């Protein structure tokens, strides 16, 4: 994770930061498509001004917003 994300995580409750880090680890391990199948995080596309972005619910009323970038896979 980048410096900005780590700084933002310092300002949220520990439980939220922990859940976000778990989500990141699961995405890295299983891949984004598998995580979208996991209903516990409520991954969903956003609309309006945030079209092209997605959110994952960390707690009721708190979401992480991300943009998925396509990258070349190495064999």
PDB file of N, CA and C in Angstrom:
ATOM      1  N   UNK A   1       0.846  -1.176   0.000  1.00  0.00           N
ATOM      2  CA  UNK A   1       0.000   0.000   0.000  1.00  0.00           C
ATOM      3  C   UNK A   1       0.886   1.231   0.000  1.00  0.00           C
ATOM      4  N   UNK A   2       0.358   2.296  -0.552  1.00  0.00           N
ATOM      5  CA  UNK A   2       1.117   3.524  -0.649  1.00  0.00           C
ATOM      6  C   UNK A   2       1.083   4.359   0.619  1.00  0.00           C
ATOM      7  N   UNK A   3       1.909   5.397   0.626  1.00  0.00           N
ATOM      8  CA  UNK A   3       2.011   6.288   1.781  1.00  0.00           C
ATOM      9  C   UNK A   3       0.683   6.962   2.095  1.00  0.00           C
ATOM     10  N   UNK A   4      -0.041   7.373   1.054  1.00  0.00           N
ATOM     11  CA  UNK A   4      -1.315   8.073   1.265  1.00  0.00           C
ATOM     12  C   UNK A   4      -2.316   7.154   1.948  1.00  0.00           C
ATOM     13  N   UNK A   5      -2.402   5.919   1.475  1.00  0.00           N
ATOM     14  CA  UNK A   5      -3.345   4.956   2.067  1.00  0.00           C
ATOM     15  C   UNK A   5      -2.981   4.693   3.523  1.00  0.00           C
ATOM     16  N   UNK A   6      -1.703   4.480   3.791  1.00  0.00           N
ATOM     17  CA  UNK A   6      -1.281   4.224   5.174  1.00  0.00           C
ATOM     18  C   UNK A   6      -1.592   5.406   6.078  1.00  0.00           C
ATOM     19  N   UNK A   7      -1.409   6.614   5.580  1.00  0.00           N
ATOM     20  CA  UNK A   7      -1.714   7.806   6.374  1.00  0.00           C
ATOM     21  C   UNK A   7      -3.215   7.900   6.647  1.00  0.00           C
ATOM     22  N   UNK A   8      -4.035   7.583   5.641  1.00  0.00           N
ATOM     23  CA  UNK A   8      -5.484   7.610   5.823  1.00  0.00           C
ATOM     24  C   UNK A   8      -5.924   6.542   6.820  1.00  0.00           C
ATOM     25  N   UNK A   9      -5.273   5.387   6.803  1.00  0.00           N
ATOM     26  CA  UNK A   9      -5.628   4.307   7.719  1.00  0.00           C
ATOM     27  C   UNK A   9      -5.309   4.654   9.169  1.00  0.00           C
ATOM     28  N   UNK A  10      -4.373   5.562   9.382  1.00  0.00           N
ATOM     29  CA  UNK A  10      -4.055   6.002  10.740  1.00  0.00           C
ATOM     30  C   UNK A  10      -5.214   6.775  11.367  1.00  0.00           C
ATOM     31  N   UNK A  11      -6.084   7.348  10.523  1.00  0.00           N
ATOM     32  CA  UNK A  11      -7.173   8.194  11.021  1.00  0.00           C
ATOM     33  C   UNK A  11      -8.487   7.457  11.233  1.00  0.00           C
ATOM     34  N   UNK A  12      -8.537   6.187  10.875  1.00  0.00           N
ATOM     35  CA  UNK A  12      -9.779   5.428  11.048  1.00  0.00           C
ATOM     36  C   UNK A  12      -9.626   4.482  12.235  1.00  0.00           C
ATOM     37  N   UNK A  13     -10.740   4.014  12.792  1.00  0.00           N
ATOM     38  CA  UNK A  13     -10.651   3.051  13.900  1.00  0.00           C
ATOM     39  C   UNK A  13      -9.857   1.804  13.498  1.00  0.00           C
ATOM     40  N   UNK A  14      -9.181   1.209  14.466  1.00  0.00           N
ATOM     41  CA  UNK A  14      -8.339   0.034  14.198  1.00  0.00           C
ATOM     42  C   UNK A  14      -9.100  -1.093  13.511  1.00  0.00           C
ATOM     43  N   UNK A  15     -10.341  -1.322  13.900  1.00  0.00           N
ATOM     44  CA  UNK A  15     -11.123  -2.415  13.307  1.00  0.00           C
ATOM     45  C   UNK A  15     -11.325  -2.199  11.809  1.00  0.00           C
ATOM     46  N   UNK A  16     -11.512  -0.948  11.401  1.00  0.00           N
ATOM     47  CA  UNK A  16     -11.697  -0.629   9.975  1.00  0.00           C
ATOM     48  C   UNK A  16     -10.382  -0.825   9.230  1.00  0.00           C
ATOM     49  N   UNK A  17      -9.291  -0.331   9.793  1.00  0.00           N
ATOM     50  CA  UNK A  17      -7.977  -0.497   9.163  1.00  0.00           C
ATOM     51  C   UNK A  17      -7.634  -1.976   9.016  1.00  0.00           C
ATOM     52  N   UNK A  18      -7.938  -2.758  10.053  1.00  0.00           N
ATOM     53  CA  UNK A  18      -7.666  -4.194  10.016  1.00  0.00           C
ATOM     54  C   UNK A  18      -8.485  -4.876   8.923  1.00  0.00           C
ATOM     55  N   UNK A  19      -9.762  -4.535   8.841  1.00  0.00           N
ATOM     56  CA  UNK A  19     -10.626  -5.154   7.834  1.00  0.00           C
ATOM     57  C   UNK A  19     -10.165  -4.774   6.421  1.00  0.00           C
ATOM     58  N   UNK A  20      -9.722  -3.525   6.245  1.00  0.00           N
ATOM     59  CA  UNK A  20      -9.209  -3.097   4.936  1.00  0.00           C
ATOM     60  C   UNK A  20      -7.956  -3.882   4.569  1.00  0.00           C
ATOM     61  N   UNK A  21      -7.051  -4.040   5.519  1.00  0.00           N
ATOM     62  CA  UNK A  21      -5.820  -4.787   5.237  1.00  0.00           C
ATOM     63  C   UNK A  21      -6.116  -6.252   4.926  1.00  0.00           C
ATOM     64  N   UNK A  22      -7.106  -6.813   5.589  1.00  0.00           N
ATOM     65  CA  UNK A  22      -7.522  -8.192   5.285  1.00  0.00           C
ATOM     66  C   UNK A  22      -8.056  -8.266   3.863  1.00  0.00           C
ATOM     67  N   UNK A  23      -8.888  -7.289   3.486  1.00  0.00           N
ATOM     68  CA  UNK A  23      -9.438  -7.259   2.124  1.00  0.00           C
ATOM     69  C   UNK A  23      -8.310  -7.179   1.099  1.00  0.00           C
ATOM     70  N   UNK A  24      -7.327  -6.311   1.329  1.00  0.00           N
ATOM     71  CA  UNK A  24      -6.200  -6.169   0.406  1.00  0.00           C
ATOM     72  C   UNK A  24      -5.445  -7.493   0.287  1.00  0.00           C
ATOM     73  N   UNK A  25      -5.182  -8.142   1.408  1.00  0.00           N
ATOM     74  CA  UNK A  25      -4.464  -9.415   1.387  1.00  0.00           C
ATOM     75  C   UNK A  25      -5.245 -10.484   0.624  1.00  0.00           C
ATOM     76  N   UNK A  26      -6.542 -10.517   0.817  1.00  0.00           N
ATOM     77  CA  UNK A  26      -7.370 -11.496   0.106  1.00  0.00           C
ATOM     78  C   UNK A  26      -7.400 -11.224  -1.393  1.00  0.00           C
ATOM     79  N   UNK A  27      -7.434  -9.951  -1.779  1.00  0.00           N
ATOM     80  CA  UNK A  27      -7.397  -9.607  -3.208  1.00  0.00           C
ATOM     81  C   UNK A  27      -6.068 -10.050  -3.800  1.00  0.00           C
ATOM     82  N   UNK A  28      -4.975  -9.784  -3.097  1.00  0.00           N
ATOM     83  CA  UNK A  28      -3.658 -10.186  -3.599  1.00  0.00           C
ATOM     84  C   UNK A  28      -3.536 -11.699  -3.706  1.00  0.00           C
ATOM     85  N   UNK A  29      -4.136 -12.416  -2.774  1.00  0.00           N
ATOM     86  CA  UNK A  29      -4.038 -13.873  -2.760  1.00  0.00           C
ATOM     87  C   UNK A  29      -4.989 -14.537  -3.756  1.00  0.00           C
ATOM     88  N   UNK A  30      -6.243 -14.090  -3.767  1.00  0.00           N
ATOM     89  CA  UNK A  30      -7.275 -14.774  -4.552  1.00  0.00           C
ATOM     90  C   UNK A  30      -7.595 -14.095  -5.877  1.00  0.00           C
ATOM     91  N   UNK A  31      -7.319 -12.815  -5.978  1.00  0.00           N
ATOM     92  CA  UNK A  31      -7.651 -12.070  -7.184  1.00  0.00           C
ATOM     93  C   UNK A  31      -8.956 -11.309  -7.015  1.00  0.00           C
ATOM     94  N   UNK A  32      -9.095 -10.271  -7.809  1.00  0.00           N
ATOM     95  CA  UNK A  32     -10.253  -9.388  -7.697  1.00  0.00           C
ATOM     96  C   UNK A  32     -11.553 -10.104  -8.031  1.00  0.00           C
ATOM     97  N   UNK A  33     -11.557 -10.945  -9.055  1.00  0.00           N
ATOM     98  CA  UNK A  33     -12.808 -11.602  -9.451  1.00  0.00           C
ATOM     99  C   UNK A  33     -13.323 -12.523  -8.361  1.00  0.00           C
ATOM    100  N   UNK A  34     -12.434 -13.225  -7.688  1.00  0.00           N
ATOM    101  CA  UNK A  34     -12.865 -14.107  -6.603  1.00  0.00           C
ATOM    102  C   UNK A  34     -13.401 -13.305  -5.423  1.00  0.00           C
ATOM    103  N   UNK A  35     -12.786 -12.165  -5.144  1.00  0.00           N
ATOM    104  CA  UNK A  35     -13.242 -11.345  -4.018  1.00  0.00           C
ATOM    105  C   UNK A  35     -14.620 -10.740  -4.295  1.00  0.00           C
ATOM    106  N   UNK A  36     -14.906 -10.453  -5.533  1.00  0.00           N
ATOM    107  CA  UNK A  36     -16.228  -9.900  -5.860  1.00  0.00           C
ATOM    108  C   UNK A  36     -17.337 -10.913  -5.577  1.00  0.00           C
ATOM    109  N   UNK A  37     -16.997 -12.182  -5.608  1.00  0.00           N
ATOM    110  CA  UNK A  37     -17.981 -13.232  -5.301  1.00  0.00           C
ATOM    111  C   UNK A  37     -18.258 -13.311  -3.800  1.00  0.00           C
ATOM    112  N   UNK A  38     -17.341 -12.806  -2.994  1.00  0.00           N
ATOM    113  CA  UNK A  38     -17.470 -12.842  -1.537  1.00  0.00           C
ATOM    114  C   UNK A  38     -18.479 -11.780  -1.105  1.00  0.00           C
ATOM    115  N   UNK A  39     -19.641 -12.203  -0.652  1.00  0.00           N
ATOM    116  CA  UNK A  39     -20.719 -11.265  -0.329  1.00  0.00           C
ATOM    117  C   UNK A  39     -20.452 -10.442   0.925  1.00  0.00           C
ATOM    118  N   UNK A  40     -19.523 -10.856   1.755  1.00  0.00           N
ATOM    119  CA  UNK A  40     -19.252 -10.165   3.010  1.00  0.00           C
ATOM    120  C   UNK A  40     -18.728  -8.753   2.853  1.00  0.00           C
ATOM    121  N   UNK A  41     -18.108  -8.440   1.712  1.00  0.00           N
ATOM    122  CA  UNK A  41     -17.544  -7.111   1.513  1.00  0.00           C
ATOM    123  C   UNK A  41     -18.431  -6.206   0.654  1.00  0.00           C
ATOM    124  N   UNK A  42     -19.485  -6.725   0.074  1.00  0.00           N
ATOM    125  CA  UNK A  42     -20.431  -5.933  -0.722  1.00  0.00           C
ATOM    126  C   UNK A  42     -19.710  -5.068  -1.758  1.00  0.00           C
ATOM    127  N   UNK A  43     -18.907  -5.691  -2.597  1.00  0.00           N
ATOM    128  CA  UNK A  43     -18.196  -4.984  -3.660  1.00  0.00           C
ATOM    129  C   UNK A  43     -19.202  -4.584  -4.722  1.00  0.00           C
ATOM    130  N   UNK A  44     -19.222  -3.290  -5.093  1.00  0.00           N
ATOM    131  CA  UNK A  44     -20.207  -2.824  -6.076  1.00  0.00           C
ATOM    132  C   UNK A  44     -19.673  -1.654  -6.883  1.00  0.00           C
ATOM    133  N   UNK A  45     -20.109  -1.557  -8.144  1.00  0.00           N
ATOM    134  CA  UNK A  45     -19.703  -0.411  -8.969  1.00  0.00           C
ATOM    135  C   UNK A  45     -20.450   0.843  -8.518  1.00  0.00           C
ATOM    136  N   UNK A  46     -19.800   1.985  -8.679  1.00  0.00           N
ATOM    137  CA  UNK A  46     -20.425   3.250  -8.303  1.00  0.00           C
ATOM    138  C   UNK A  46     -21.013   3.923  -9.535  1.00  0.00           C
ATOM    139  N   UNK A  47     -21.897   4.868  -9.300  1.00  0.00           N
ATOM    140  CA  UNK A  47     -22.603   5.555 -10.388  1.00  0.00           C
ATOM    141  C   UNK A  47     -22.352   7.049 -10.308  1.00  0.00           C
ATOM    142  N   UNK A  48     -22.826   7.757 -11.324  1.00  0.00           N
ATOM    143  CA  UNK A  48     -22.738   9.215 -11.332  1.00  0.00           C
ATOM    144  C   UNK A  48     -21.310   9.709 -11.496  1.00  0.00           C
ATOM    145  N   UNK A  49     -20.916  10.667 -10.663  1.00  0.00           N
ATOM    146  CA  UNK A  49     -19.574  11.250 -10.749  1.00  0.00           C
ATOM    147  C   UNK A  49     -18.483  10.233 -10.470  1.00  0.00           C
ATOM    148  N   UNK A  50     -18.824   9.186  -9.786  1.00  0.00           N
ATOM    149  CA  UNK A  50     -17.839   8.152  -9.435  1.00  0.00           C
ATOM    150  C   UNK A  50     -17.908   6.940 -10.369  1.00  0.00           C
ATOM    151  N   UNK A  51     -18.520   7.099 -11.530  1.00  0.00           N
ATOM    152  CA  UNK A  51     -18.592   5.995 -12.484  1.00  0.00           C
ATOM    153  C   UNK A  51     -17.178   5.570 -12.860  1.00  0.00           C
ATOM    154  N   UNK A  52     -16.937   4.280 -12.925  1.00  0.00           N
ATOM    155  CA  UNK A  52     -15.615   3.739 -13.198  1.00  0.00           C
ATOM    156  C   UNK A  52     -14.877   3.351 -11.920  1.00  0.00           C
ATOM    157  N   UNK A  53     -15.438   3.745 -10.788  1.00  0.00           N
ATOM    158  CA  UNK A  53     -14.874   3.377  -9.496  1.00  0.00           C
ATOM    159  C   UNK A  53     -15.759   2.315  -8.863  1.00  0.00           C
ATOM    160  N   UNK A  54     -15.198   1.610  -7.882  1.00  0.00           N
ATOM    161  CA  UNK A  54     -15.942   0.586  -7.166  1.00  0.00           C
ATOM    162  C   UNK A  54     -15.787   0.845  -5.681  1.00  0.00           C
ATOM    163  N   UNK A  55     -16.705   0.313  -4.891  1.00  0.00           N
ATOM    164  CA  UNK A  55     -16.585   0.435  -3.440  1.00  0.00           C
ATOM    165  C   UNK A  55     -16.705  -0.934  -2.806  1.00  0.00           C
ATOM    166  N   UNK A  56     -16.059  -1.055  -1.671  1.00  0.00           N
ATOM    167  CA  UNK A  56     -16.151  -2.266  -0.863  1.00  0.00           C
ATOM    168  C   UNK A  56     -16.508  -1.797   0.541  1.00  0.00           C
ATOM    169  N   UNK A  57     -17.554  -2.375   1.091  1.00  0.00           N
ATOM    170  CA  UNK A  57     -18.058  -1.941   2.392  1.00  0.00           C
ATOM    171  C   UNK A  57     -17.230  -2.561   3.508  1.00  0.00           C
ATOM    172  N   UNK A  58     -16.669  -1.707   4.349  1.00  0.00           N
ATOM    173  CA  UNK A  58     -15.855  -2.172   5.473  1.00  0.00           C
ATOM    174  C   UNK A  58     -16.678  -2.265   6.740  1.00  0.00           C
ATOM    175  N   UNK A  59     -17.652  -1.404   6.865  1.00  0.00           N
ATOM    176  CA  UNK A  59     -18.561  -1.382   7.998  1.00  0.00           C
ATOM    177  C   UNK A  59     -19.756  -0.558   7.521  1.00  0.00           C
ATOM    178  N   UNK A  60     -20.894  -0.720   8.152  1.00  0.00           N
ATOM    179  CA  UNK A  60     -22.056   0.043   7.737  1.00  0.00           C
ATOM    180  C   UNK A  60     -21.715   1.535   7.788  1.00  0.00           C
ATOM    181  N   UNK A  61     -21.824   2.191   6.655  1.00  0.00           N
ATOM    182  CA  UNK A  61     -21.538   3.620   6.579  1.00  0.00           C
ATOM    183  C   UNK A  61     -20.098   3.949   6.223  1.00  0.00           C
ATOM    184  N   UNK A  62     -19.210   2.951   6.166  1.00  0.00           N
ATOM    185  CA  UNK A  62     -17.809   3.183   5.813  1.00  0.00           C
ATOM    186  C   UNK A  62     -17.404   2.255   4.678  1.00  0.00           C
ATOM    187  N   UNK A  63     -16.948   2.853   3.587  1.00  0.00           N
ATOM    188  CA  UNK A  63     -16.539   2.078   2.420  1.00  0.00           C
ATOM    189  C   UNK A  63     -15.174   2.525   1.955  1.00  0.00           C
ATOM    190  N   UNK A  64     -14.463   1.620   1.313  1.00  0.00           N
ATOM    191  CA  UNK A  64     -13.216   1.953   0.632  1.00  0.00           C
ATOM    192  C   UNK A  64     -13.558   2.046  -0.851  1.00  0.00           C
ATOM    193  N   UNK A  65     -13.099   3.082  -1.496  1.00  0.00           N
ATOM    194  CA  UNK A  65     -13.354   3.283  -2.925  1.00  0.00           C
ATOM    195  C   UNK A  65     -12.057   3.010  -3.668  1.00  0.00           C
ATOM    196  N   UNK A  66     -12.157   2.243  -4.751  1.00  0.00           N
ATOM    197  CA  UNK A  66     -10.957   1.913  -5.514  1.00  0.00           C
ATOM    198  C   UNK A  66     -11.262   1.919  -7.000  1.00  0.00           C
ATOM    199  N   UNK A  67     -10.188   1.980  -7.778  1.00  0.00           N
ATOM    200  CA  UNK A  67     -10.270   1.891  -9.239  1.00  0.00           C
ATOM    201  C   UNK A  67      -9.424   0.693  -9.645  1.00  0.00           C
ATOM    202  N   UNK A  68      -9.990  -0.136 -10.461  1.00  0.00           N
ATOM    203  CA  UNK A  68      -9.271  -1.318 -10.927  1.00  0.00           C
ATOM    204  C   UNK A  68      -8.540  -0.958 -12.220  1.00  0.00           C
ATOM    205  N   UNK A  69      -7.236  -1.204 -12.233  1.00  0.00           N
ATOM    206  CA  UNK A  69      -6.430  -0.956 -13.413  1.00  0.00           C
ATOM    207  C   UNK A  69      -6.060  -2.276 -14.056  1.00  0.00           C
ATOM    208  N   UNK A  70      -6.153  -2.337 -15.350  1.00  0.00           N
ATOM    209  CA  UNK A  70      -5.767  -3.560 -16.044  1.00  0.00           C
ATOM    210  C   UNK A  70      -4.250  -3.546 -16.213  1.00  0.00           C
ATOM    211  N   UNK A  71      -3.617  -4.643 -15.838  1.00  0.00           N
ATOM    212  CA  UNK A  71      -2.168  -4.775 -15.988  1.00  0.00           C
ATOM    213  C   UNK A  71      -1.857  -6.048 -16.735  1.00  0.00           C
ATOM    214  N   UNK A  72      -0.716  -6.055 -17.381  1.00  0.00           N
ATOM    215  CA  UNK A  72      -0.294  -7.257 -18.107  1.00  0.00           C
ATOM    216  C   UNK A  72       0.169  -8.283 -17.092  1.00  0.00           C
ATOM    217  N   UNK A  73      -0.251  -9.516 -17.301  1.00  0.00           N
ATOM    218  CA  UNK A  73       0.177 -10.601 -16.402  1.00  0.00           C
ATOM    219  C   UNK A  73       1.466 -11.194 -16.946  1.00  0.00           C
ATOM    220  N   UNK A  74       2.382 -11.482 -16.026  1.00  0.00           N
ATOM    221  CA  UNK A  74       3.614 -12.148 -16.439  1.00  0.00           C
ATOM    222  C   UNK A  74       3.442 -13.644 -16.284  1.00  0.00           C
ATOM    223  N   UNK A  75       3.998 -14.419 -17.221  1.00  0.00           N
ATOM    224  CA  UNK A  75       3.850 -15.882 -17.173  1.00  0.00           C
ATOM    225  C   UNK A  75       4.925 -16.517 -16.357  1.00  0.00           C
TER     226      UNK A  75
END
